[in-house]
Amino acid sequence: MESNLLIGFPIFFTLGAVIVFALRSKKKTEDRRHDPAAHRDENKSKLAKDAPDR
């Protein structure tokens, strides 16, 4: 019984941490996608500024 806790707790803790990180990252990306200020030229990366607009 104790070995199940020693193995199971880190597995579920890591899985939970990965899920929380993924959901936070998804929300941040969605918020940026819907932000009109994020699409202006001064907010683009250096590589995006060099690329021609299509």
Protein backbone atom coordinates (compact mmCIF):
# COMPACT_ATOMS: atom_id res chain seq x y z
CA MET A 1 0.00 0.00 0.00
CA GLU A 2 2.77 2.44 0.87
CA SER A 3 4.67 1.75 -2.33
CA ASN A 4 1.55 2.66 -4.32
CA LEU A 5 1.53 6.07 -2.65
CA LEU A 6 5.24 6.55 -3.25
CA ILE A 7 4.79 5.84 -6.94
CA GLY A 8 1.28 7.18 -7.50
CA PHE A 9 1.58 10.57 -5.82
CA PRO A 10 4.47 11.86 -7.98
CA ILE A 11 2.78 10.56 -11.12
CA PHE A 12 -0.51 12.35 -10.42
CA PHE A 13 1.25 15.47 -9.14
CA THR A 14 3.30 15.70 -12.34
CA LEU A 15 0.26 15.01 -14.51
CA GLY A 16 -1.72 17.68 -12.70
CA ALA A 17 1.13 20.20 -13.05
CA VAL A 18 1.39 19.53 -16.79
CA ILE A 19 -2.36 19.96 -17.23
CA VAL A 20 -2.37 23.25 -15.30
CA PHE A 21 0.61 24.54 -17.33
CA ALA A 22 -1.08 23.55 -20.60
CA LEU A 23 -4.36 25.24 -19.69
CA ARG A 24 -2.60 28.46 -18.62
CA SER A 25 -0.58 28.48 -21.82
CA LYS A 26 -3.70 27.87 -23.92
CA LYS A 27 -5.56 30.74 -22.24
CA LYS A 28 -2.62 33.10 -22.71
CA THR A 29 -2.37 32.17 -26.39
CA GLU A 30 -6.12 32.59 -26.95
CA ASP A 31 -6.11 35.97 -25.19
CA ARG A 32 -3.23 37.14 -27.39
CA ARG A 33 -4.97 35.88 -30.54
CA HIS A 34 -8.09 37.93 -29.77
CA ASP A 35 -6.15 41.07 -28.77
CA PRO A 36 -6.14 43.60 -31.63
CA ALA A 37 -3.08 45.35 -30.19
CA ALA A 38 -1.06 42.14 -30.53
CA HIS A 39 -1.28 42.31 -34.33
CA ARG A 40 0.37 45.71 -34.71
CA ASP A 41 3.89 45.94 -36.12
CA GLU A 42 5.57 47.08 -32.90
CA ASN A 43 4.43 43.90 -31.15
CA LYS A 44 5.79 41.53 -33.77
CA SER A 45 9.00 39.62 -33.28
CA LYS A 46 12.18 40.63 -35.06
CA LEU A 47 11.76 37.80 -37.57
CA ALA A 48 8.17 38.76 -38.33
CA LYS A 49 9.19 42.39 -38.95
CA ASP A 50 11.69 41.28 -41.59
CA ALA A 51 9.21 39.10 -43.44
CA PRO A 52 7.15 40.69 -46.23
CA ASP A 53 3.42 41.06 -45.60
CA ARG A 54 1.27 38.73 -47.64
